[in-house]
Amino acid sequence: FASAQDYDYIDMRWQPSNGLWFAATIIEIDPIIKAKERAGLIVGTVRSGMRLLNEGPSEWMWPWRVNVLWTPAAANIPEEAYHRKKAASEGESPHTQKSDEVAVQPSLTDYSWGELAIIAQKVKTCSTEADALALAKSYNLVDSSGNLTGNSIEVPLNDGTMLDIELVGIFHDDKSDGSGKAGLTFMTSNAYCNHSMNNASTNAGGWAESDMRAWLNSSVLNSMPEDLRDLIVEVDKPTNNVGRTESGDSVSNTSDRIWLFSQTELYGPISWNQGYDTEYIDTVLNREGTQYQLFAEAGIEGIATTDKKGVLKKYVTVNGKQELSNWWVRSPTPNREDGFGDVDNGAPDNGGTASAAQGVVFGFCL
């Protein structure tokens, strides 16, 4: 082999029904084949490799075919390609992976949540947004231009709901423990369900004292798979936690693991009320965070309501059918006592009554 950069490797172990353990190492050596095949996660073996290990009837353990060289021993392969094999020789599991090591995969969907959490920790240590984006690019979380790809990960909840989760921001949110930025921010691609912001028609106490916040950070959080739930970190979410107000000083932070988005996190700097006697609405809303990368790339602005890519159009499943959803944001309407902002058919709305059931599109950070 010319160098360690000329191939990828996969160490595999499996146990078929006859109880025998097999082990194989796949080395990809053709960069053209690599370019063609890496559109999806490649896990494959060769028939001859199976025969070397098993003298019984040969069977394909995986349906993929890959142009690879198989070897049962790592005699001629550089050590850095076989850190797992080395670990096994020292008494560790062959699947043990160092906490700071993640093999680069073709796209977001090919990583486990544990691997994404490790990448998020690496992103967190960056000193600038540019450095964080470059690191994300090296892991194929963004495309060659640094734009989010729109890929989503399916997450099953305990209640049987299947959520699609997509990446919405990188190096964006502040961790509540004061240790800096959270590396990666995610959101549900559609509404989880319909739910009210408060049992009563009031926005007093804002997001901080809302029934929605309590429900998300208890019932909804607990319904998520443990391997994801345990990795979600608390971040500071700035929100008007008074309700009806004309003062930007009404904005304060809450520490949340799951949360709704604010108006300005969706639309960027808001100027809908400039030139009117309600300019204070813009002042309050603009202190509730900054716009996420996904919405900025879609060209969404707080001056107009255009959403050419449709990223703000969300659907909710009702009685087995998908319906276009109005969905909540966590921003109380500063000029009303009974409402929170929402997104109506992809456009910002003056707000719905807090006791109304509307779509729940939530976010979280690793």
Foldseek 3Di string as FASTA:
>chain_A
DPDPVQWAKDWDWDADPVGDIDIKMWIARDVVLCVVPQVDDDDFDDQVSQCVVDVDDTDGPDPDDGPTDIDPDCPPPDVVNQPLVVVVVVPDHSPDDPQQDDDAGQEPQVDDLSNVLSLQVVLQPDPDPVVLLVSCVVSHCADPVSAGDPQWYWWAFQVRQIWTKHWWAAQFFAFPVRSGGGGTKIKTQFFSAWAFQAQAQFQAQFLVPTPVQVCCQPVVLVRTDPVNSVSFGWTWWWAQRGAADLDLVSTDTDTHQKFFAAPQLQAFQAQCQPPHPNRSQSSNRNVGGHHTRNNVVQVHHNDDQDRPPQSQFHWHADPNDTDTWWEFGRYHQNNDGRFGWIADRRGTDSTDGRNGITGYMMMTGD
